[in-house]
């Protein structure tokens, strides 16, 4: 019987060149702490970026009761929330491609979008991001946090 853990291991092997230890913004110290005890793999979204197609900082595939997929973007300071939301949306597209390439079938994953920031340029931008949704196996709201927050704190269902 195929399990979601097998999917995580399959992704770890097939995407080994993208695997990384944590989720950190490129050229910054803003990070999301990945503190899930289950089997998981973190992929570098920046390595997926091509042709001005912005992708979020990391994609996290987690084996829990089922397969969970987290797309996460870390920003020292948010100047353009629309761009950050686009990165999350594109990250989900890339995560779907990775799942589709996986030779192991899996059930529909539970999806989450996380945006961590050290600060916001304007309060109205933060409000806009709090209300934002991303199309990820249905509409999903974006979970906001601060640099250094733990994934288990932001998404308690993992």
N, C-alpha and C. Protein backbone atom coordinates (compact mmCIF):
# COMPACT_ATOMS: atom_id res chain seq x y z
N UNK A 1 0.84 -1.19 0.00
CA UNK A 1 0.00 0.00 0.00
C UNK A 1 0.88 1.24 0.00
N UNK A 2 0.55 2.20 -0.84
CA UNK A 2 1.30 3.45 -0.95
C UNK A 2 0.82 4.42 0.12
N UNK A 3 1.75 5.05 0.80
CA UNK A 3 1.40 6.01 1.83
C UNK A 3 1.91 7.39 1.45
N UNK A 4 1.39 8.41 2.15
CA UNK A 4 1.86 9.77 1.91
C UNK A 4 3.33 9.91 2.27
N UNK A 5 3.81 9.12 3.23
CA UNK A 5 5.23 9.15 3.58
C UNK A 5 6.06 8.75 2.37
N UNK A 6 5.53 7.79 1.58
CA UNK A 6 6.22 7.38 0.36
C UNK A 6 6.30 8.55 -0.63
N UNK A 7 5.26 9.37 -0.67
CA UNK A 7 5.27 10.54 -1.55
C UNK A 7 6.36 11.49 -1.11
N UNK A 8 6.47 11.75 0.19
CA UNK A 8 7.51 12.65 0.71
C UNK A 8 8.89 12.10 0.38
N UNK A 9 9.10 10.81 0.57
CA UNK A 9 10.39 10.20 0.26
C UNK A 9 10.67 10.24 -1.24
N UNK A 10 9.65 10.03 -2.05
CA UNK A 10 9.80 10.10 -3.50
C UNK A 10 10.22 11.51 -3.93
N UNK A 11 9.58 12.51 -3.35
CA UNK A 11 9.93 13.91 -3.66
C UNK A 11 11.34 14.21 -3.19
N UNK A 12 11.70 13.73 -2.00
CA UNK A 12 13.05 13.96 -1.47
C UNK A 12 14.10 13.42 -2.43
N UNK A 13 13.84 12.23 -3.01
CA UNK A 13 14.79 11.62 -3.94
C UNK A 13 14.79 12.31 -5.30
N UNK A 14 13.61 12.53 -5.85
CA UNK A 14 13.53 13.08 -7.21
C UNK A 14 13.91 14.55 -7.28
N UNK A 15 13.74 15.28 -6.19
CA UNK A 15 14.04 16.72 -6.18
C UNK A 15 15.20 17.03 -5.24
N UNK A 16 16.14 16.09 -5.09
CA UNK A 16 17.22 16.24 -4.11
C UNK A 16 18.05 17.50 -4.34
N UNK A 17 18.17 17.93 -5.59
CA UNK A 17 18.96 19.15 -5.87
C UNK A 17 18.28 20.41 -5.33
N UNK A 18 16.99 20.35 -5.05
CA UNK A 18 16.24 21.50 -4.52
C UNK A 18 16.07 21.44 -3.00
N UNK A 19 16.37 20.29 -2.40
CA UNK A 19 16.13 20.11 -0.95
C UNK A 19 17.05 21.03 -0.14
N UNK A 20 16.50 21.52 0.95
CA UNK A 20 17.26 22.36 1.87
C UNK A 20 16.81 22.08 3.29
N UNK A 21 17.58 22.60 4.25
CA UNK A 21 17.29 22.33 5.65
C UNK A 21 16.17 23.19 6.21
N UNK A 22 16.04 24.41 5.75
CA UNK A 22 15.04 25.31 6.31
C UNK A 22 14.47 26.24 5.27
N UNK A 23 13.68 27.19 5.74
CA UNK A 23 13.02 28.15 4.86
C UNK A 23 13.48 29.55 5.22
N UNK A 24 14.34 30.13 4.37
CA UNK A 24 14.94 31.43 4.63
C UNK A 24 14.85 32.27 3.36
N UNK A 25 14.59 33.57 3.54
CA UNK A 25 14.61 34.48 2.40
C UNK A 25 16.04 34.60 1.88
N UNK A 26 16.18 34.57 0.58
CA UNK A 26 17.48 34.74 -0.04
C UNK A 26 18.04 36.11 0.34
N UNK A 27 19.29 36.17 0.74
CA UNK A 27 19.99 37.41 1.10
C UNK A 27 19.40 38.12 2.31
N UNK A 28 18.78 37.40 3.22
CA UNK A 28 18.19 37.99 4.41
C UNK A 28 18.23 36.97 5.54
N UNK A 29 17.95 37.42 6.74
CA UNK A 29 17.89 36.51 7.87
C UNK A 29 16.45 36.17 8.24
N UNK A 30 15.49 36.64 7.47
CA UNK A 30 14.09 36.33 7.75
C UNK A 30 13.84 34.87 7.41
N UNK A 31 13.29 34.13 8.38
CA UNK A 31 13.08 32.71 8.15
C UNK A 31 11.80 32.23 8.80
N UNK A 32 11.34 31.10 8.32
CA UNK A 32 10.23 30.35 8.91
C UNK A 32 10.85 29.07 9.46
N UNK A 33 10.68 28.83 10.75
CA UNK A 33 11.25 27.65 11.38
C UNK A 33 10.34 26.45 11.09
N UNK A 34 10.89 25.44 10.46
CA UNK A 34 10.15 24.23 10.13
C UNK A 34 10.36 23.26 11.29
N UNK A 35 9.38 23.17 12.17
CA UNK A 35 9.51 22.37 13.39
C UNK A 35 8.48 21.26 13.47
N UNK A 36 8.21 20.64 12.34
CA UNK A 36 7.25 19.54 12.33
C UNK A 36 8.02 18.25 12.54
N UNK A 37 7.51 17.39 13.39
CA UNK A 37 8.20 16.15 13.72
C UNK A 37 8.01 15.06 12.68
N UNK A 38 6.99 15.21 11.86
CA UNK A 38 6.69 14.18 10.87
C UNK A 38 7.72 14.20 9.74
N UNK A 39 7.64 13.19 8.90
CA UNK A 39 8.48 13.12 7.72
C UNK A 39 8.13 14.31 6.82
N UNK A 40 9.15 15.06 6.43
CA UNK A 40 8.92 16.21 5.57
C UNK A 40 10.14 16.49 4.70
N UNK A 41 9.92 17.27 3.66
CA UNK A 41 11.01 17.74 2.82
C UNK A 41 10.72 19.20 2.48
N UNK A 42 11.78 20.03 2.53
CA UNK A 42 11.68 21.44 2.20
C UNK A 42 12.43 21.64 0.88
N UNK A 43 11.75 22.25 -0.10
CA UNK A 43 12.38 22.52 -1.39
C UNK A 43 12.58 24.02 -1.57
N UNK A 44 13.67 24.39 -2.21
CA UNK A 44 14.02 25.78 -2.46
C UNK A 44 13.24 26.31 -3.66
N UNK A 45 12.28 27.18 -3.40
CA UNK A 45 11.48 27.75 -4.48
C UNK A 45 12.27 28.69 -5.37
N UNK A 46 13.31 29.33 -4.82
CA UNK A 46 14.12 30.25 -5.61
C UNK A 46 14.82 29.53 -6.76
N UNK A 47 15.12 28.25 -6.58
CA UNK A 47 15.75 27.47 -7.64
C UNK A 47 14.76 27.12 -8.75
N UNK A 48 13.47 27.24 -8.47
CA UNK A 48 12.44 26.97 -9.48
C UNK A 48 12.13 28.20 -10.32
N UNK A 49 12.58 29.36 -9.88
CA UNK A 49 12.28 30.61 -10.56
C UNK A 49 13.00 30.66 -11.90
N UNK A 50 12.22 30.97 -12.95
CA UNK A 50 12.82 31.12 -14.27
C UNK A 50 11.95 32.08 -15.10
N UNK A 51 12.60 32.80 -15.97
CA UNK A 51 11.90 33.69 -16.90
C UNK A 51 10.95 34.66 -16.20
N UNK A 52 11.42 35.33 -15.17
CA UNK A 52 10.60 36.32 -14.45
C UNK A 52 9.31 35.72 -13.91
N UNK A 53 9.35 34.48 -13.52
CA UNK A 53 8.21 33.76 -12.96
C UNK A 53 8.52 33.59 -11.48
N UNK A 54 8.12 34.55 -10.65
CA UNK A 54 8.53 34.53 -9.24
C UNK A 54 7.85 33.41 -8.45
N UNK A 55 8.66 32.64 -7.73
CA UNK A 55 8.16 31.54 -6.92
C UNK A 55 8.53 31.82 -5.47
N UNK A 56 7.71 31.37 -4.54
CA UNK A 56 7.94 31.59 -3.11
C UNK A 56 9.27 30.96 -2.67
N UNK A 57 9.71 31.34 -1.47
CA UNK A 57 11.00 30.88 -0.97
C UNK A 57 11.08 29.38 -0.78
N UNK A 58 10.00 28.77 -0.29
CA UNK A 58 10.09 27.32 -0.10
C UNK A 58 8.74 26.64 -0.23
N UNK A 59 8.84 25.36 -0.58
CA UNK A 59 7.69 24.46 -0.65
C UNK A 59 7.98 23.35 0.35
N UNK A 60 7.03 23.09 1.23
CA UNK A 60 7.23 22.08 2.26
C UNK A 60 6.18 20.99 2.08
N UNK A 61 6.64 19.76 1.92
CA UNK A 61 5.76 18.61 1.80
C UNK A 61 5.88 17.84 3.12
N UNK A 62 4.76 17.64 3.81
CA UNK A 62 4.76 17.05 5.14
C UNK A 62 3.82 15.85 5.18
N UNK A 63 4.29 14.76 5.73
CA UNK A 63 3.46 13.59 5.94
C UNK A 63 2.88 13.68 7.34
N UNK A 64 1.57 13.72 7.43
CA UNK A 64 0.87 13.70 8.71
C UNK A 64 -0.21 12.65 8.61
N UNK A 65 -1.43 12.99 9.00
CA UNK A 65 -2.56 12.07 8.78
C UNK A 65 -2.78 11.88 7.29
N UNK A 66 -2.38 12.85 6.50
CA UNK A 66 -2.42 12.81 5.06
C UNK A 66 -1.23 13.63 4.58
N UNK A 67 -1.21 13.97 3.32
CA UNK A 67 -0.13 14.79 2.80
C UNK A 67 -0.51 16.26 2.95
N UNK A 68 0.39 17.06 3.52
CA UNK A 68 0.20 18.50 3.67
C UNK A 68 1.24 19.21 2.81
N UNK A 69 0.82 20.26 2.13
CA UNK A 69 1.74 21.06 1.33
C UNK A 69 1.65 22.50 1.83
N UNK A 70 2.81 23.07 2.17
CA UNK A 70 2.89 24.46 2.62
C UNK A 70 3.75 25.22 1.63
N UNK A 71 3.22 26.31 1.09
CA UNK A 71 4.04 27.23 0.30
C UNK A 71 4.31 28.42 1.21
N UNK A 72 5.57 28.84 1.29
CA UNK A 72 5.93 29.90 2.24
C UNK A 72 6.84 30.93 1.60
N UNK A 73 6.59 32.17 1.95
CA UNK A 73 7.39 33.29 1.50
C UNK A 73 7.85 34.06 2.73
N UNK A 74 9.14 34.37 2.78
CA UNK A 74 9.73 35.13 3.88
C UNK A 74 10.22 36.47 3.33
N UNK A 75 9.88 37.55 4.01
CA UNK A 75 10.29 38.88 3.59
C UNK A 75 10.78 39.68 4.79
N UNK A 76 11.93 40.31 4.65
CA UNK A 76 12.42 41.18 5.71
C UNK A 76 11.45 42.33 5.92
N UNK A 77 10.97 42.89 4.80
CA UNK A 77 9.96 43.95 4.84
C UNK A 77 9.09 43.83 3.60
N UNK A 78 7.79 43.88 3.80
CA UNK A 78 6.85 43.78 2.68
C UNK A 78 6.61 45.17 2.10
N UNK A 79 7.04 45.34 0.88
CA UNK A 79 6.79 46.59 0.17
C UNK A 79 5.67 46.44 -0.86
N UNK A 80 5.52 45.21 -1.37
CA UNK A 80 4.51 44.94 -2.39
C UNK A 80 3.83 43.61 -2.06
N UNK A 81 2.72 43.66 -1.31
CA UNK A 81 2.06 42.40 -0.94
C UNK A 81 1.53 41.64 -2.15
N UNK A 82 1.17 42.34 -3.20
CA UNK A 82 0.68 41.67 -4.41
C UNK A 82 1.74 40.75 -5.00
N UNK A 83 2.99 41.19 -4.98
CA UNK A 83 4.08 40.38 -5.50
C UNK A 83 4.29 39.14 -4.63
N UNK A 84 4.25 39.32 -3.31
CA UNK A 84 4.42 38.19 -2.39
C UNK A 84 3.29 37.17 -2.58
N UNK A 85 2.07 37.64 -2.77
CA UNK A 85 0.94 36.74 -3.00
C UNK A 85 1.08 35.99 -4.32
N UNK A 86 1.60 36.66 -5.34
CA UNK A 86 1.85 36.02 -6.63
C UNK A 86 2.91 34.93 -6.48
N UNK A 87 3.93 35.19 -5.67
CA UNK A 87 4.97 34.19 -5.43
C UNK A 87 4.37 32.94 -4.77
N UNK A 88 3.46 33.14 -3.81
CA UNK A 88 2.80 32.01 -3.16
C UNK A 88 1.95 31.23 -4.15
N UNK A 89 1.21 31.93 -4.97
CA UNK A 89 0.36 31.29 -5.97
C UNK A 89 1.21 30.48 -6.96
N UNK A 90 2.30 31.06 -7.42
CA UNK A 90 3.20 30.34 -8.33
C UNK A 90 3.87 29.17 -7.63
N UNK A 91 4.14 29.31 -6.34
CA UNK A 91 4.71 28.21 -5.58
C UNK A 91 3.77 27.02 -5.55
N UNK A 92 2.48 27.30 -5.39
CA UNK A 92 1.50 26.21 -5.41
C UNK A 92 1.49 25.52 -6.77
N UNK A 93 1.58 26.31 -7.84
CA UNK A 93 1.63 25.72 -9.19
C UNK A 93 2.81 24.77 -9.34
N UNK A 94 3.96 25.21 -8.82
CA UNK A 94 5.16 24.37 -8.89
C UNK A 94 5.00 23.12 -8.01
N UNK A 95 4.39 23.27 -6.85
CA UNK A 95 4.16 22.11 -5.97
C UNK A 95 3.28 21.08 -6.67
N UNK A 96 2.25 21.56 -7.37
CA UNK A 96 1.37 20.64 -8.12
C UNK A 96 2.15 19.91 -9.21
N UNK A 97 3.04 20.62 -9.89
CA UNK A 97 3.86 19.98 -10.93
C UNK A 97 4.72 18.88 -10.33
N UNK A 98 5.30 19.16 -9.16
CA UNK A 98 6.14 18.17 -8.48
C UNK A 98 5.31 16.96 -8.09
N UNK A 99 4.12 17.19 -7.56
CA UNK A 99 3.24 16.07 -7.19
C UNK A 99 2.82 15.28 -8.42
N UNK A 100 2.54 15.97 -9.51
CA UNK A 100 2.15 15.29 -10.75
C UNK A 100 3.29 14.44 -11.31
N UNK A 101 4.53 14.92 -11.16
CA UNK A 101 5.70 14.18 -11.65
C UNK A 101 6.01 12.98 -10.76
N UNK A 102 5.56 13.03 -9.52
CA UNK A 102 5.82 11.94 -8.59
C UNK A 102 5.19 10.67 -9.14
N UNK A 103 5.96 9.59 -9.13
CA UNK A 103 5.44 8.34 -9.69
C UNK A 103 4.53 7.61 -8.71
N UNK A 104 4.34 8.19 -7.53
CA UNK A 104 3.48 7.57 -6.52
C UNK A 104 2.21 8.39 -6.41
N UNK A 105 1.05 7.78 -6.66
CA UNK A 105 -0.19 8.53 -6.53
C UNK A 105 -0.48 8.90 -5.08
N UNK A 106 -1.06 10.07 -4.89
CA UNK A 106 -1.43 10.47 -3.52
C UNK A 106 -2.82 11.11 -3.57
N UNK A 107 -3.47 11.07 -2.44
CA UNK A 107 -4.78 11.70 -2.35
C UNK A 107 -4.60 13.21 -2.38
N UNK A 108 -5.67 13.92 -2.49
CA UNK A 108 -5.61 15.38 -2.54
C UNK A 108 -4.98 15.93 -1.26
N UNK A 109 -3.89 16.69 -1.39
CA UNK A 109 -3.20 17.18 -0.20
C UNK A 109 -3.95 18.33 0.48
N UNK A 110 -3.71 18.50 1.75
CA UNK A 110 -4.18 19.68 2.49
C UNK A 110 -3.16 20.78 2.20
N UNK A 111 -3.64 21.97 1.87
CA UNK A 111 -2.77 23.04 1.40
C UNK A 111 -2.79 24.25 2.33
N UNK A 112 -1.63 24.86 2.49
CA UNK A 112 -1.49 26.05 3.32
C UNK A 112 -0.55 27.04 2.65
N UNK A 113 -0.84 28.33 2.81
CA UNK A 113 0.03 29.40 2.32
C UNK A 113 0.44 30.24 3.52
N UNK A 114 1.75 30.49 3.67
CA UNK A 114 2.28 31.21 4.81
C UNK A 114 3.16 32.36 4.31
N UNK A 115 2.95 33.53 4.88
CA UNK A 115 3.75 34.71 4.56
C UNK A 115 4.30 35.26 5.87
N UNK A 116 5.63 35.20 6.04
CA UNK A 116 6.24 35.75 7.25
C UNK A 116 7.02 36.99 6.87
N UNK A 117 6.92 38.00 7.72
CA UNK A 117 7.57 39.28 7.42
C UNK A 117 8.11 39.92 8.68
N UNK A 118 9.22 40.62 8.51
CA UNK A 118 9.80 41.38 9.62
C UNK A 118 9.08 42.69 9.82
N UNK A 119 8.45 43.19 8.78
CA UNK A 119 7.71 44.45 8.87
C UNK A 119 6.92 44.69 7.60
N UNK A 120 6.03 45.66 7.70
CA UNK A 120 5.17 46.01 6.57
C UNK A 120 5.40 47.46 6.23
N UNK A 121 5.45 47.78 4.95
CA UNK A 121 5.65 49.16 4.51
C UNK A 121 4.47 50.04 4.92
N UNK A 122 3.24 49.50 4.79
CA UNK A 122 2.04 50.24 5.17
C UNK A 122 1.05 49.29 5.84
N UNK A 123 0.32 49.78 6.82
CA UNK A 123 -0.66 48.96 7.53
C UNK A 123 -1.73 48.44 6.58
N UNK A 124 -2.09 49.22 5.58
CA UNK A 124 -3.12 48.81 4.63
C UNK A 124 -2.66 47.58 3.84
N UNK A 125 -1.35 47.47 3.61
CA UNK A 125 -0.82 46.30 2.90
C UNK A 125 -1.00 45.03 3.73
N UNK A 126 -0.80 45.14 5.03
CA UNK A 126 -0.97 43.99 5.90
C UNK A 126 -2.43 43.56 5.93
N UNK A 127 -3.34 44.52 5.99
CA UNK A 127 -4.77 44.20 5.97
C UNK A 127 -5.16 43.51 4.67
N UNK A 128 -4.59 43.98 3.58
CA UNK A 128 -4.87 43.38 2.27
C UNK A 128 -4.40 41.93 2.25
N UNK A 129 -3.22 41.69 2.78
CA UNK A 129 -2.68 40.32 2.80
C UNK A 129 -3.50 39.42 3.72
N UNK A 130 -4.01 39.96 4.84
CA UNK A 130 -4.81 39.17 5.76
C UNK A 130 -6.10 38.69 5.12
N UNK A 131 -6.63 39.47 4.19
CA UNK A 131 -7.89 39.12 3.53
C UNK A 131 -7.68 38.31 2.26
N UNK A 132 -6.44 38.16 1.83
CA UNK A 132 -6.14 37.52 0.55
C UNK A 132 -6.42 36.02 0.60
N UNK A 133 -6.81 35.49 -0.55
CA UNK A 133 -6.95 34.04 -0.72
C UNK A 133 -6.16 33.63 -1.95
N UNK A 134 -5.76 32.38 -1.94
CA UNK A 134 -5.03 31.81 -3.06
C UNK A 134 -5.75 30.54 -3.47
N UNK A 135 -5.85 30.32 -4.77
CA UNK A 135 -6.49 29.12 -5.29
C UNK A 135 -5.54 27.95 -5.14
N UNK A 136 -5.80 27.09 -4.15
CA UNK A 136 -4.97 25.91 -3.87
C UNK A 136 -5.92 24.78 -3.48
N UNK A 137 -6.34 23.96 -4.42
CA UNK A 137 -7.34 22.92 -4.13
C UNK A 137 -8.53 23.55 -3.42
N UNK A 138 -9.06 24.58 -3.98
CA UNK A 138 -10.08 25.41 -3.34
C UNK A 138 -9.39 26.69 -2.87
N UNK A 139 -10.16 27.63 -2.39
CA UNK A 139 -9.56 28.88 -1.93
C UNK A 139 -9.01 28.72 -0.53
N UNK A 140 -7.79 29.20 -0.33
CA UNK A 140 -7.12 29.14 0.97
C UNK A 140 -6.70 30.54 1.38
N UNK A 141 -6.91 30.86 2.63
CA UNK A 141 -6.44 32.15 3.13
C UNK A 141 -4.94 32.05 3.40
N UNK A 142 -4.31 33.20 3.44
CA UNK A 142 -2.88 33.27 3.69
C UNK A 142 -2.67 33.49 5.19
N UNK A 143 -1.83 32.67 5.80
CA UNK A 143 -1.50 32.81 7.20
C UNK A 143 -0.30 33.74 7.32
N UNK A 144 -0.44 34.78 8.13
CA UNK A 144 0.65 35.75 8.31
C UNK A 144 1.39 35.48 9.60
N UNK A 145 2.70 35.72 9.57
CA UNK A 145 3.52 35.56 10.76
C UNK A 145 4.71 36.50 10.69
N UNK A 146 5.54 36.43 11.71
CA UNK A 146 6.73 37.25 11.76
C UNK A 146 7.97 36.41 11.49
N UNK A 147 9.05 37.07 11.10
CA UNK A 147 10.31 36.38 10.86
C UNK A 147 10.69 35.59 12.11
N UNK A 148 11.07 34.35 11.93
CA UNK A 148 11.46 33.49 13.04
C UNK A 148 10.33 32.69 13.65
N UNK A 149 9.09 32.91 13.20
CA UNK A 149 7.96 32.13 13.73
C UNK A 149 8.12 30.66 13.34
N UNK A 150 7.51 29.82 14.15
CA UNK A 150 7.53 28.37 13.92
C UNK A 150 6.29 27.96 13.12
N UNK A 151 6.49 27.06 12.19
CA UNK A 151 5.38 26.58 11.37
C UNK A 151 4.29 25.96 12.22
N UNK A 152 4.67 25.22 13.26
CA UNK A 152 3.67 24.57 14.12
C UNK A 152 2.82 25.59 14.86
N UNK A 153 3.35 26.78 15.11
CA UNK A 153 2.58 27.85 15.76
C UNK A 153 1.60 28.48 14.77
N UNK A 154 2.04 28.67 13.54
CA UNK A 154 1.20 29.32 12.54
C UNK A 154 0.09 28.40 12.03
N UNK A 155 0.41 27.13 11.89
CA UNK A 155 -0.57 26.15 11.39
C UNK A 155 -0.63 25.02 12.40
N UNK A 156 -1.58 25.07 13.29
CA UNK A 156 -1.68 24.10 14.36
C UNK A 156 -2.12 22.72 13.92
N UNK A 157 -2.67 22.59 12.71
CA UNK A 157 -3.20 21.30 12.25
C UNK A 157 -2.14 20.34 11.72
N UNK A 158 -0.89 20.74 11.74
CA UNK A 158 0.14 19.87 11.14
C UNK A 158 0.53 18.78 12.08
